[in-house]
Amino acid sequence: MAAAPAAHADEDPATVPPRTAMSLRMPGGFAWGTANEHESRAALSMSKLYIADYSLRHGDGSPEDRALSERMIRDSDDGAATQLAGKYPQAIEATAGEYGLRATHGSSDWGRSSTSTADITDFLAAKQRTDPGSPIFEWMAGASNTAADGTPQNWGTAQLPGVQGSKWGWSDVGAPEVASASFGPSFSVAAHTYGSPADQSTDVLDALPALILRLAGSEGRLLPPVVAGLLEGVARP
């Protein structure tokens, strides 16, 4: 399930500030990421994607598991995550092993687990290839405007054109730290920022044109339709 090696935005080191790690995966071997995309950072609520996937496919199949998984993804409900992580303490490590997520590590407290933007996008891309009917995509597409704790869910990768569903994460203590991951037709994208939701949105949207140019390549290769659509969506006068 490993993705192709990602190109880096090294044609312009200032494209993405080091506070933000970002990755994008597409079919046909298209992969892009910032130089720090494999850096293991706090998973925040992105770990709920891994817990939900494990409980849905390897759990006991109970309606309760499904309901808790839905609350984790739609509402980023911490209480639901604590219940499922307590029932399946191996979920994050097992999911990391199954999908080859090398920077993803579980913890006795799911909130202290770690992952990378590369791992998140590789996971979502693998799900799109092998399990496109997963309810995880339905729940991401129907995410609540406001999380269970009252946090707005509307920043970062969710603001990219073509996005169909998203999951967000944030730190409740210490310096601001946020994450987001989204999917659309044949692409997945994730970002993690040591900063605010507004910081992440700025970094993600500023990075996209450079990302598109990098994917196009120096040989004038034709852009896949979805990439061309993304470029059109962020074109500036």
C-alpha atoms as a PDB file:
ATOM      1  CA  MET A   1       0.000   0.000   0.000  1.00  0.00           C
ATOM      2  CA  ALA A   2       3.026   2.289  -0.015  1.00  0.00           C
ATOM      3  CA  ALA A   3       2.732   5.418  -2.140  1.00  0.00           C
ATOM      4  CA  ALA A   4       5.240   6.628  -4.695  1.00  0.00           C
ATOM      5  CA  PRO A   5       8.025   8.874  -3.340  1.00  0.00           C
ATOM      6  CA  ALA A   6       6.847  12.443  -3.099  1.00  0.00           C
ATOM      7  CA  ALA A   7       8.449  15.380  -4.873  1.00  0.00           C
ATOM      8  CA  HIS A   8       9.350  18.354  -2.718  1.00  0.00           C
ATOM      9  CA  ALA A   9       8.641  22.043  -3.155  1.00  0.00           C
ATOM     10  CA  ASP A  10      12.361  22.732  -3.280  1.00  0.00           C
ATOM     11  CA  GLU A  11      12.035  25.076  -6.252  1.00  0.00           C
ATOM     12  CA  ASP A  12      10.896  27.680  -3.717  1.00  0.00           C
ATOM     13  CA  PRO A  13      11.827  26.953  -0.085  1.00  0.00           C
ATOM     14  CA  ALA A  14       9.501  29.749   1.056  1.00  0.00           C
ATOM     15  CA  THR A  15       6.447  28.131  -0.550  1.00  0.00           C
ATOM     16  CA  VAL A  16       5.447  26.490   2.722  1.00  0.00           C
ATOM     17  CA  PRO A  17       6.766  27.779   6.075  1.00  0.00           C
ATOM     18  CA  PRO A  18       8.358  25.028   8.198  1.00  0.00           C
ATOM     19  CA  ARG A  19       5.558  25.440  10.721  1.00  0.00           C
ATOM     20  CA  THR A  20       3.367  23.523   8.259  1.00  0.00           C
ATOM     21  CA  ALA A  21       3.815  20.022   6.845  1.00  0.00           C
ATOM     22  CA  MET A  22       1.652  19.164   3.847  1.00  0.00           C
ATOM     23  CA  SER A  23       1.115  16.157   1.562  1.00  0.00           C
ATOM     24  CA  LEU A  24      -1.002  15.317  -1.459  1.00  0.00           C
ATOM     25  CA  ARG A  25      -1.553  11.954  -3.162  1.00  0.00           C
ATOM     26  CA  MET A  26      -3.214  11.187  -6.480  1.00  0.00           C
ATOM     27  CA  PRO A  27      -3.605   8.135  -8.705  1.00  0.00           C
ATOM     28  CA  GLY A  28      -1.057   7.342 -11.379  1.00  0.00           C
ATOM     29  CA  GLY A  29       1.938   7.910  -9.112  1.00  0.00           C
ATOM     30  CA  PHE A  30       1.360  11.620  -8.476  1.00  0.00           C
ATOM     31  CA  ALA A  31       2.681  12.483  -5.020  1.00  0.00           C
ATOM     32  CA  TRP A  32       3.803  15.743  -3.497  1.00  0.00           C
ATOM     33  CA  GLY A  33       4.873  16.823  -0.071  1.00  0.00           C
ATOM     34  CA  THR A  34       6.818  19.439   1.810  1.00  0.00           C
ATOM     35  CA  ALA A  35      10.296  18.486   2.985  1.00  0.00           C
ATOM     36  CA  ASN A  36       8.881  17.738   6.446  1.00  0.00           C
ATOM     37  CA  GLU A  37       5.911  15.635   5.331  1.00  0.00           C
ATOM     38  CA  HIS A  38       7.346  12.486   6.956  1.00  0.00           C
ATOM     39  CA  GLU A  39       7.980  14.240  10.271  1.00  0.00           C
ATOM     40  CA  SER A  40       6.158  12.505  13.110  1.00  0.00           C
ATOM     41  CA  ARG A  41       4.019  15.142  14.807  1.00  0.00           C
ATOM     42  CA  ALA A  42       1.159  15.018  17.283  1.00  0.00           C
ATOM     43  CA  ALA A  43      -1.707  13.162  15.622  1.00  0.00           C
ATOM     44  CA  LEU A  44      -4.294  15.223  17.472  1.00  0.00           C
ATOM     45  CA  SER A  45      -7.761  14.076  16.360  1.00  0.00           C
ATOM     46  CA  MET A  46      -6.417  12.702  13.086  1.00  0.00           C
ATOM     47  CA  SER A  47      -5.765   9.494  15.024  1.00  0.00           C
ATOM     48  CA  LYS A  48      -9.539   9.035  15.104  1.00  0.00           C
ATOM     49  CA  LEU A  49      -9.352   8.067  11.426  1.00  0.00           C
ATOM     50  CA  TYR A  50      -7.129   5.115  12.330  1.00  0.00           C
ATOM     51  CA  ILE A  51      -9.234   4.095  15.327  1.00  0.00           C
ATOM     52  CA  ALA A  52     -12.432   4.248  13.297  1.00  0.00           C
ATOM     53  CA  ASP A  53     -10.965   2.193  10.456  1.00  0.00           C
ATOM     54  CA  TYR A  54      -9.806  -0.497  12.867  1.00  0.00           C
ATOM     55  CA  SER A  55     -13.094  -0.679  14.742  1.00  0.00           C
ATOM     56  CA  LEU A  56     -15.102  -0.878  11.522  1.00  0.00           C
ATOM     57  CA  ARG A  57     -13.036  -3.632   9.906  1.00  0.00           C
ATOM     58  CA  HIS A  58     -11.562  -5.555  12.830  1.00  0.00           C
ATOM     59  CA  GLY A  59     -13.945  -4.820  15.701  1.00  0.00           C
ATOM     60  CA  ASP A  60     -16.911  -6.833  16.881  1.00  0.00           C
ATOM     61  CA  GLY A  61     -19.266  -5.275  14.336  1.00  0.00           C
ATOM     62  CA  SER A  62     -21.565  -3.856  16.985  1.00  0.00           C
ATOM     63  CA  PRO A  63     -23.907  -0.940  16.292  1.00  0.00           C
ATOM     64  CA  GLU A  64     -22.255   0.836  19.224  1.00  0.00           C
ATOM     65  CA  ASP A  65     -18.831   0.703  17.557  1.00  0.00           C
ATOM     66  CA  ARG A  66     -20.265   2.158  14.371  1.00  0.00           C
ATOM     67  CA  ALA A  67     -22.076   4.923  16.243  1.00  0.00           C
ATOM     68  CA  LEU A  68     -18.949   5.849  18.201  1.00  0.00           C
ATOM     69  CA  SER A  69     -16.886   5.846  14.998  1.00  0.00           C
ATOM     70  CA  GLU A  70     -19.354   8.160  13.321  1.00  0.00           C
ATOM     71  CA  ARG A  71     -19.257  10.584  16.249  1.00  0.00           C
ATOM     72  CA  MET A  72     -15.449  10.576  16.125  1.00  0.00           C
ATOM     73  CA  ILE A  73     -15.345  11.524  12.461  1.00  0.00           C
ATOM     74  CA  ARG A  74     -18.357  13.819  12.062  1.00  0.00           C
ATOM     75  CA  ASP A  75     -18.070  15.627  15.406  1.00  0.00           C
ATOM     76  CA  SER A  76     -14.474  14.865  16.469  1.00  0.00           C
ATOM     77  CA  ASP A  77     -15.978  13.580  19.712  1.00  0.00           C
ATOM     78  CA  ASP A  78     -13.194  12.904  22.233  1.00  0.00           C
ATOM     79  CA  GLY A  79     -15.427  10.861  24.496  1.00  0.00           C
ATOM     80  CA  ALA A  80     -16.261   8.491  21.647  1.00  0.00           C
ATOM     81  CA  ALA A  81     -12.567   8.156  20.833  1.00  0.00           C
ATOM     82  CA  THR A  82     -11.731   7.344  24.450  1.00  0.00           C
ATOM     83  CA  GLN A  83     -14.371   4.609  24.507  1.00  0.00           C
ATOM     84  CA  LEU A  84     -13.204   2.986  21.278  1.00  0.00           C
ATOM     85  CA  ALA A  85      -9.496   3.348  22.070  1.00  0.00           C
ATOM     86  CA  GLY A  86     -10.164   1.713  25.433  1.00  0.00           C
ATOM     87  CA  LYS A  87     -11.921  -1.175  23.729  1.00  0.00           C
ATOM     88  CA  TYR A  88      -9.290  -1.496  20.985  1.00  0.00           C
ATOM     89  CA  PRO A  89      -6.009  -0.186  22.453  1.00  0.00           C
ATOM     90  CA  GLN A  90      -4.089  -1.745  19.575  1.00  0.00           C
ATOM     91  CA  ALA A  91      -6.052   0.138  16.904  1.00  0.00           C
ATOM     92  CA  ILE A  92      -3.557   2.847  15.963  1.00  0.00           C
ATOM     93  CA  GLU A  93      -0.483   0.591  15.937  1.00  0.00           C
ATOM     94  CA  ALA A  94      -2.332  -2.136  14.035  1.00  0.00           C
ATOM     95  CA  THR A  95      -3.590   0.316  11.411  1.00  0.00           C
ATOM     96  CA  ALA A  96      -0.108   1.789  11.029  1.00  0.00           C
ATOM     97  CA  GLY A  97       1.309  -1.669  10.430  1.00  0.00           C
ATOM     98  CA  GLU A  98      -1.375  -2.655   7.945  1.00  0.00           C
ATOM     99  CA  TYR A  99      -1.004   0.478   5.815  1.00  0.00           C
ATOM    100  CA  GLY A 100       2.763   0.906   6.210  1.00  0.00           C
ATOM    101  CA  LEU A 101       2.496   4.203   8.106  1.00  0.00           C
ATOM    102  CA  ARG A 102       6.036   4.489   9.414  1.00  0.00           C
ATOM    103  CA  ALA A 103       5.661   7.784  11.296  1.00  0.00           C
ATOM    104  CA  THR A 104       2.457   6.726  13.058  1.00  0.00           C
ATOM    105  CA  HIS A 105       2.694   5.502  16.650  1.00  0.00           C
ATOM    106  CA  GLY A 106       0.013   4.750  19.182  1.00  0.00           C
ATOM    107  CA  SER A 107       0.012   5.560  22.879  1.00  0.00           C
ATOM    108  CA  SER A 108      -1.853   4.465  25.979  1.00  0.00           C
ATOM    109  CA  ASP A 109      -3.649   7.802  25.526  1.00  0.00           C
ATOM    110  CA  TRP A 110      -4.930   8.124  21.949  1.00  0.00           C
ATOM    111  CA  GLY A 111      -4.573  11.898  22.246  1.00  0.00           C
ATOM    112  CA  ARG A 112      -0.806  11.505  22.586  1.00  0.00           C
ATOM    113  CA  SER A 113      -0.343   9.381  19.482  1.00  0.00           C
ATOM    114  CA  SER A 114       1.679  10.650  16.527  1.00  0.00           C
ATOM    115  CA  THR A 115       1.534  10.573  12.749  1.00  0.00           C
ATOM    116  CA  SER A 116       2.669  12.526   9.681  1.00  0.00           C
ATOM    117  CA  THR A 117       0.866  14.232   6.840  1.00  0.00           C
ATOM    118  CA  ALA A 118       2.414  11.697   4.472  1.00  0.00           C
ATOM    119  CA  ASP A 119       0.941   8.850   6.516  1.00  0.00           C
ATOM    120  CA  ILE A 120      -2.505  10.448   6.622  1.00  0.00           C
ATOM    121  CA  THR A 121      -2.639  10.970   2.859  1.00  0.00           C
ATOM    122  CA  ASP A 122      -1.235   7.510   2.170  1.00  0.00           C
ATOM    123  CA  PHE A 123      -3.928   6.056   4.415  1.00  0.00           C
ATOM    124  CA  LEU A 124      -6.737   7.983   2.721  1.00  0.00           C
ATOM    125  CA  ALA A 125      -5.374   7.174  -0.746  1.00  0.00           C
ATOM    126  CA  ALA A 126      -5.236   3.472   0.140  1.00  0.00           C
ATOM    127  CA  LYS A 127      -8.819   3.612   1.387  1.00  0.00           C
ATOM    128  CA  GLN A 128      -9.924   5.269  -1.858  1.00  0.00           C
ATOM    129  CA  ARG A 129      -8.280   2.471  -3.853  1.00  0.00           C
ATOM    130  CA  THR A 130      -9.254  -0.529  -1.773  1.00  0.00           C
ATOM    131  CA  ASP A 131     -12.308   0.470   0.262  1.00  0.00           C
ATOM    132  CA  PRO A 132     -14.060   3.392  -1.463  1.00  0.00           C
ATOM    133  CA  GLY A 133     -17.345   2.477   0.197  1.00  0.00           C
ATOM    134  CA  SER A 134     -15.980   2.962   3.701  1.00  0.00           C
ATOM    135  CA  PRO A 135     -18.394   4.974   5.854  1.00  0.00           C
ATOM    136  CA  ILE A 136     -15.394   7.057   6.909  1.00  0.00           C
ATOM    137  CA  PHE A 137     -15.703   8.965   3.620  1.00  0.00           C
ATOM    138  CA  GLU A 138     -19.429   9.464   4.137  1.00  0.00           C
ATOM    139  CA  TRP A 139     -18.837  10.825   7.639  1.00  0.00           C
ATOM    140  CA  MET A 140     -16.034  13.119   6.498  1.00  0.00           C
ATOM    141  CA  ALA A 141     -18.330  14.426   3.756  1.00  0.00           C
ATOM    142  CA  GLY A 142     -21.049  15.038   6.337  1.00  0.00           C
ATOM    143  CA  ALA A 143     -18.823  16.511   9.040  1.00  0.00           C
ATOM    144  CA  SER A 144     -20.516  18.879  11.448  1.00  0.00           C
ATOM    145  CA  ASN A 145     -19.852  22.595  11.099  1.00  0.00           C
ATOM    146  CA  THR A 146     -19.031  22.618  14.797  1.00  0.00           C
ATOM    147  CA  ALA A 147     -17.248  19.864  16.715  1.00  0.00           C
ATOM    148  CA  ALA A 148     -18.548  18.268  19.896  1.00  0.00           C
ATOM    149  CA  ASP A 149     -16.480  20.705  21.972  1.00  0.00           C
ATOM    150  CA  GLY A 150     -17.738  23.747  20.062  1.00  0.00           C
ATOM    151  CA  THR A 151     -14.718  24.199  17.758  1.00  0.00           C
ATOM    152  CA  PRO A 152     -15.578  25.330  14.196  1.00  0.00           C
ATOM    153  CA  GLN A 153     -14.535  22.756  11.575  1.00  0.00           C
ATOM    154  CA  ASN A 154     -13.785  24.817   8.486  1.00  0.00           C
ATOM    155  CA  TRP A 155     -10.083  25.463   7.918  1.00  0.00           C
ATOM    156  CA  GLY A 156      -7.002  24.228   6.117  1.00  0.00           C
ATOM    157  CA  THR A 157      -7.368  21.560   3.448  1.00  0.00           C
ATOM    158  CA  ALA A 158     -11.155  21.834   3.636  1.00  0.00           C
ATOM    159  CA  GLN A 159     -10.867  25.158   1.805  1.00  0.00           C
ATOM    160  CA  LEU A 160      -9.262  23.647  -1.282  1.00  0.00           C
ATOM    161  CA  PRO A 161     -11.406  23.419  -4.429  1.00  0.00           C
ATOM    162  CA  GLY A 162     -12.753  19.977  -5.221  1.00  0.00           C
ATOM    163  CA  VAL A 163     -12.787  18.753  -1.607  1.00  0.00           C
ATOM    164  CA  GLN A 164     -15.685  16.433  -0.765  1.00  0.00           C
ATOM    165  CA  GLY A 165     -14.989  15.666   2.882  1.00  0.00           C
ATOM    166  CA  SER A 166     -12.609  16.565   5.696  1.00  0.00           C
ATOM    167  CA  LYS A 167     -11.377  15.725   9.197  1.00  0.00           C
ATOM    168  CA  TRP A 168      -9.773  18.229  11.555  1.00  0.00           C
ATOM    169  CA  GLY A 169      -7.628  18.103  14.664  1.00  0.00           C
ATOM    170  CA  TRP A 170      -6.423  20.654  17.200  1.00  0.00           C
ATOM    171  CA  SER A 171      -4.658  20.912  20.524  1.00  0.00           C
ATOM    172  CA  ASP A 172      -6.637  21.945  23.590  1.00  0.00           C
ATOM    173  CA  VAL A 173      -3.577  22.930  25.631  1.00  0.00           C
ATOM    174  CA  GLY A 174      -0.368  24.841  25.058  1.00  0.00           C
ATOM    175  CA  ALA A 175       0.600  26.667  21.889  1.00  0.00           C
ATOM    176  CA  PRO A 176      -1.863  26.478  18.978  1.00  0.00           C
ATOM    177  CA  GLU A 177      -1.438  23.358  16.837  1.00  0.00           C
ATOM    178  CA  VAL A 178      -3.892  22.227  14.176  1.00  0.00           C
ATOM    179  CA  ALA A 179      -4.301  19.578  11.491  1.00  0.00           C
ATOM    180  CA  SER A 180      -6.692  18.856   8.645  1.00  0.00           C
ATOM    181  CA  ALA A 181      -7.116  16.182   6.007  1.00  0.00           C
ATOM    182  CA  SER A 182      -9.461  16.077   3.043  1.00  0.00           C
ATOM    183  CA  PHE A 183     -10.371  13.964   0.042  1.00  0.00           C
ATOM    184  CA  GLY A 184     -11.885  14.679  -3.330  1.00  0.00           C
ATOM    185  CA  PRO A 185     -12.278  12.876  -6.632  1.00  0.00           C
ATOM    186  CA  SER A 186      -9.052  10.881  -6.886  1.00  0.00           C
ATOM    187  CA  PHE A 187      -6.982  12.885  -4.411  1.00  0.00           C
ATOM    188  CA  SER A 188      -6.209  13.117  -0.714  1.00  0.00           C
ATOM    189  CA  VAL A 189      -4.423  15.942   1.074  1.00  0.00           C
ATOM    190  CA  ALA A 190      -3.346  16.655   4.649  1.00  0.00           C
ATOM    191  CA  ALA A 191      -1.670  19.450   6.584  1.00  0.00           C
ATOM    192  CA  HIS A 192      -0.332  19.975  10.102  1.00  0.00           C
ATOM    193  CA  THR A 193       0.572  23.419  11.418  1.00  0.00           C
ATOM    194  CA  TYR A 194       2.261  24.715  14.533  1.00  0.00           C
ATOM    195  CA  GLY A 195      -0.076  27.678  14.572  1.00  0.00           C
ATOM    196  CA  SER A 196      -3.707  28.688  14.246  1.00  0.00           C
ATOM    197  CA  PRO A 197      -6.424  27.527  11.848  1.00  0.00           C
ATOM    198  CA  ALA A 198      -5.940  30.778   9.924  1.00  0.00           C
ATOM    199  CA  ASP A 199      -2.189  30.117   9.666  1.00  0.00           C
ATOM    200  CA  GLN A 200      -2.863  26.707   8.186  1.00  0.00           C
ATOM    201  CA  SER A 201      -5.415  27.974   5.697  1.00  0.00           C
ATOM    202  CA  THR A 202      -2.948  30.596   4.496  1.00  0.00           C
ATOM    203  CA  ASP A 203      -0.121  28.086   4.111  1.00  0.00           C
ATOM    204  CA  VAL A 204      -2.265  25.492   2.337  1.00  0.00           C
ATOM    205  CA  LEU A 205      -3.760  27.918  -0.163  1.00  0.00           C
ATOM    206  CA  ASP A 206      -0.438  29.646  -0.831  1.00  0.00           C
ATOM    207  CA  ALA A 207       1.258  26.292  -1.486  1.00  0.00           C
ATOM    208  CA  LEU A 208      -1.193  24.949  -4.043  1.00  0.00           C
ATOM    209  CA  PRO A 209       0.008  26.791  -7.176  1.00  0.00           C
ATOM    210  CA  ALA A 210       3.596  25.646  -6.574  1.00  0.00           C
ATOM    211  CA  LEU A 211       2.278  22.136  -5.987  1.00  0.00           C
ATOM    212  CA  ILE A 212       0.495  22.155  -9.341  1.00  0.00           C
ATOM    213  CA  LEU A 213       3.550  23.409 -11.206  1.00  0.00           C
ATOM    214  CA  ARG A 214       5.679  20.733  -9.596  1.00  0.00           C
ATOM    215  CA  LEU A 215       3.230  18.021 -10.614  1.00  0.00           C
ATOM    216  CA  ALA A 216       3.168  19.349 -14.169  1.00  0.00           C
ATOM    217  CA  GLY A 217       6.910  18.737 -14.427  1.00  0.00           C
ATOM    218  CA  SER A 218       9.512  20.350 -16.596  1.00  0.00           C
ATOM    219  CA  GLU A 219       8.635  18.295 -19.674  1.00  0.00           C
ATOM    220  CA  GLY A 220       5.274  19.999 -20.204  1.00  0.00           C
ATOM    221  CA  ARG A 221       3.407  16.875 -19.179  1.00  0.00           C
ATOM    222  CA  LEU A 222      -0.382  17.166 -19.463  1.00  0.00           C
ATOM    223  CA  LEU A 223      -2.091  17.691 -16.141  1.00  0.00           C
ATOM    224  CA  PRO A 224      -4.625  15.144 -14.918  1.00  0.00           C
ATOM    225  CA  PRO A 225      -8.142  16.654 -15.053  1.00  0.00           C
ATOM    226  CA  VAL A 226      -8.441  16.908 -11.280  1.00  0.00           C
ATOM    227  CA  VAL A 227      -5.133  18.786 -11.058  1.00  0.00           C
ATOM    228  CA  ALA A 228      -6.158  21.148 -13.827  1.00  0.00           C
ATOM    229  CA  GLY A 229      -9.372  21.784 -11.913  1.00  0.00           C
ATOM    230  CA  LEU A 230      -7.484  22.556  -8.737  1.00  0.00           C
ATOM    231  CA  LEU A 231      -5.215  24.962 -10.613  1.00  0.00           C
ATOM    232  CA  GLU A 232      -8.221  26.735 -12.114  1.00  0.00           C
ATOM    233  CA  GLY A 233      -9.769  27.003  -8.675  1.00  0.00           C
ATOM    234  CA  VAL A 234      -6.795  28.850  -7.223  1.00  0.00           C
ATOM    235  CA  ALA A 235      -5.828  30.918 -10.269  1.00  0.00           C
ATOM    236  CA  ARG A 236      -5.073  34.483  -9.328  1.00  0.00           C
ATOM    237  CA  PRO A 237      -5.477  37.537 -11.583  1.00  0.00           C
END
